[in-house]
Amino acid sequence: MKIIIADDSRVMRQIVLRTLRQAGFGHHDFVEATDGADALDKVATERPDLVLSDWNMPNKTGIELLRDLRGSGNAVPFGFVTSEGSDEMRKTAAEAGALFLIAKPFTPEHFESALAGMLG
């Protein structure tokens, strides 16, 4: 499966990737996106099976990215990996079509729990 990791911090993209590997998902193909606008372009060209996105990014936020994808009819599975995990954010994410929201700091177990049924 192909997974896009969208975060404006290169370090955070690498931490997400490392944690995915620790959770046993390292055998998938990963594509990095530097913000929501870059992720939107890469969803069109890379045709990923999953998008993991930060919420707060320049150019296009994660929620704007998700809403753009759903507005164009793209139903790619989508989850947030972000620094905030309030009930309101979780509700907003779910209403926009996100499958999950993993709040930082996260562990491999958080990814295992969120992705176990989705990724092999």
Protein backbone atom coordinates (compact mmCIF):
# COMPACT_ATOMS: atom_id res chain seq x y z
CA MET A 1 0.00 0.00 0.00
CA LYS A 2 1.07 3.56 -0.60
CA ILE A 3 0.81 6.07 2.25
CA ILE A 4 1.22 9.85 2.04
CA ILE A 5 2.60 11.52 5.17
CA ALA A 6 1.75 15.25 5.09
CA ASP A 7 3.44 17.54 7.59
CA ASP A 8 5.31 20.82 7.15
CA SER A 9 8.04 19.60 9.52
CA ARG A 10 10.53 17.23 7.89
CA VAL A 11 11.52 16.03 11.35
CA MET A 12 7.92 15.21 12.23
CA ARG A 13 7.44 13.34 8.93
CA GLN A 14 10.47 11.25 9.83
CA ILE A 15 9.14 10.63 13.36
CA VAL A 16 5.80 9.48 11.93
CA LEU A 17 7.60 7.21 9.47
CA ARG A 18 9.83 5.77 12.21
CA THR A 19 6.82 5.15 14.44
CA LEU A 20 4.97 3.43 11.59
CA ARG A 21 7.97 1.16 11.13
CA GLN A 22 8.07 0.44 14.87
CA ALA A 23 4.38 -0.45 14.67
CA GLY A 24 5.12 -3.02 11.99
CA PHE A 25 4.00 -1.04 8.96
CA GLY A 26 7.44 -0.37 7.48
CA HIS A 27 6.91 -2.55 4.42
CA HIS A 28 4.53 -0.07 2.78
CA ASP A 29 5.51 2.64 0.27
CA PHE A 30 5.70 6.12 1.78
CA VAL A 31 5.46 9.48 0.05
CA GLU A 32 6.16 12.70 1.94
CA ALA A 33 4.21 15.93 1.38
CA THR A 34 5.41 19.26 2.77
CA ASP A 35 1.96 20.78 3.37
CA GLY A 36 -1.69 20.35 2.48
CA ALA A 37 -1.34 21.81 -1.01
CA ASP A 38 1.57 19.48 -1.79
CA ALA A 39 -0.43 16.56 -0.38
CA LEU A 40 -3.42 17.42 -2.59
CA ASP A 41 -1.16 17.35 -5.66
CA LYS A 42 0.46 14.09 -4.57
CA VAL A 43 -2.89 12.40 -3.92
CA ALA A 44 -3.74 13.12 -7.57
CA THR A 45 -0.44 11.81 -8.94
CA GLU A 46 0.48 9.06 -6.48
CA ARG A 47 -3.01 7.61 -5.88
CA PRO A 48 -2.27 6.59 -2.27
CA ASP A 49 -4.18 4.04 -0.25
CA LEU A 50 -4.00 6.19 2.88
CA VAL A 51 -3.22 9.80 3.81
CA LEU A 52 -1.78 10.68 7.24
CA SER A 53 -1.89 14.44 7.72
CA ASP A 54 -1.00 17.06 10.26
CA TRP A 55 -3.79 19.52 11.03
CA ASN A 56 -1.83 22.80 11.07
CA MET A 57 0.22 23.42 7.93
CA PRO A 58 0.91 26.41 5.69
CA ASN A 59 -0.72 26.84 2.26
CA LYS A 60 -3.50 24.34 3.05
CA THR A 61 -4.35 22.93 6.46
CA GLY A 62 -5.08 19.27 7.00
CA ILE A 63 -8.82 19.84 7.41
CA GLU A 64 -8.86 21.95 4.22
CA LEU A 65 -7.03 19.13 2.45
CA LEU A 66 -9.58 16.58 3.65
CA ARG A 67 -12.52 18.78 2.70
CA ASP A 68 -11.02 19.39 -0.77
CA LEU A 69 -10.54 15.66 -1.29
CA ARG A 70 -14.08 14.80 -0.21
CA GLY A 71 -15.49 17.74 -2.19
CA SER A 72 -13.91 16.38 -5.35
CA GLY A 73 -15.28 12.90 -4.67
CA ASN A 74 -11.96 11.41 -3.53
CA ALA A 75 -12.66 8.87 -0.77
CA VAL A 76 -9.04 7.93 0.06
CA PRO A 77 -8.80 6.76 3.69
CA PHE A 78 -7.59 9.72 5.75
CA GLY A 79 -6.32 10.14 9.29
CA PHE A 80 -4.86 13.00 11.28
CA VAL A 81 -1.58 12.87 13.21
CA THR A 82 -1.54 16.17 14.99
CA SER A 83 -0.54 17.99 18.16
CA GLU A 84 -4.10 18.65 19.29
CA GLY A 85 -6.76 16.11 20.05
CA SER A 86 -9.65 17.98 21.62
CA ASP A 87 -13.14 16.54 21.43
CA GLU A 88 -14.12 19.40 19.11
CA MET A 89 -11.25 18.64 16.72
CA ARG A 90 -12.06 14.95 16.74
CA LYS A 91 -15.70 15.74 15.98
CA THR A 92 -14.73 18.14 13.16
CA ALA A 93 -12.35 15.55 11.71
CA ALA A 94 -14.95 12.78 11.84
CA GLU A 95 -17.63 14.97 10.28
CA ALA A 96 -15.26 15.83 7.41
CA GLY A 97 -14.59 12.15 6.79
CA ALA A 98 -11.41 11.34 8.74
CA LEU A 99 -11.15 7.78 10.03
CA PHE A 100 -9.10 8.66 13.09
CA LEU A 101 -7.08 11.34 14.85
CA ILE A 102 -3.83 10.40 16.57
CA ALA A 103 -2.66 13.13 18.94
CA LYS A 104 1.01 13.79 19.67
CA PRO A 105 2.86 12.51 21.56
CA PHE A 106 2.06 9.16 20.02
CA THR A 107 3.44 5.65 20.31
CA PRO A 108 3.62 2.70 17.92
CA GLU A 109 0.62 1.30 19.79
CA HIS A 110 -1.48 4.31 18.75
CA PHE A 111 -0.72 3.55 15.10
CA GLU A 112 -1.32 -0.18 15.59
CA SER A 113 -4.73 0.55 17.10
CA ALA A 114 -5.76 3.03 14.37
CA LEU A 115 -4.39 1.11 11.38
CA ALA A 116 -4.63 -2.57 12.30
CA GLY A 117 -7.75 -3.25 10.29
CA MET A 118 -6.62 -1.09 7.39
CA LEU A 119 -2.99 -2.05 6.79
CA GLY A 120 -1.54 -5.52 6.66
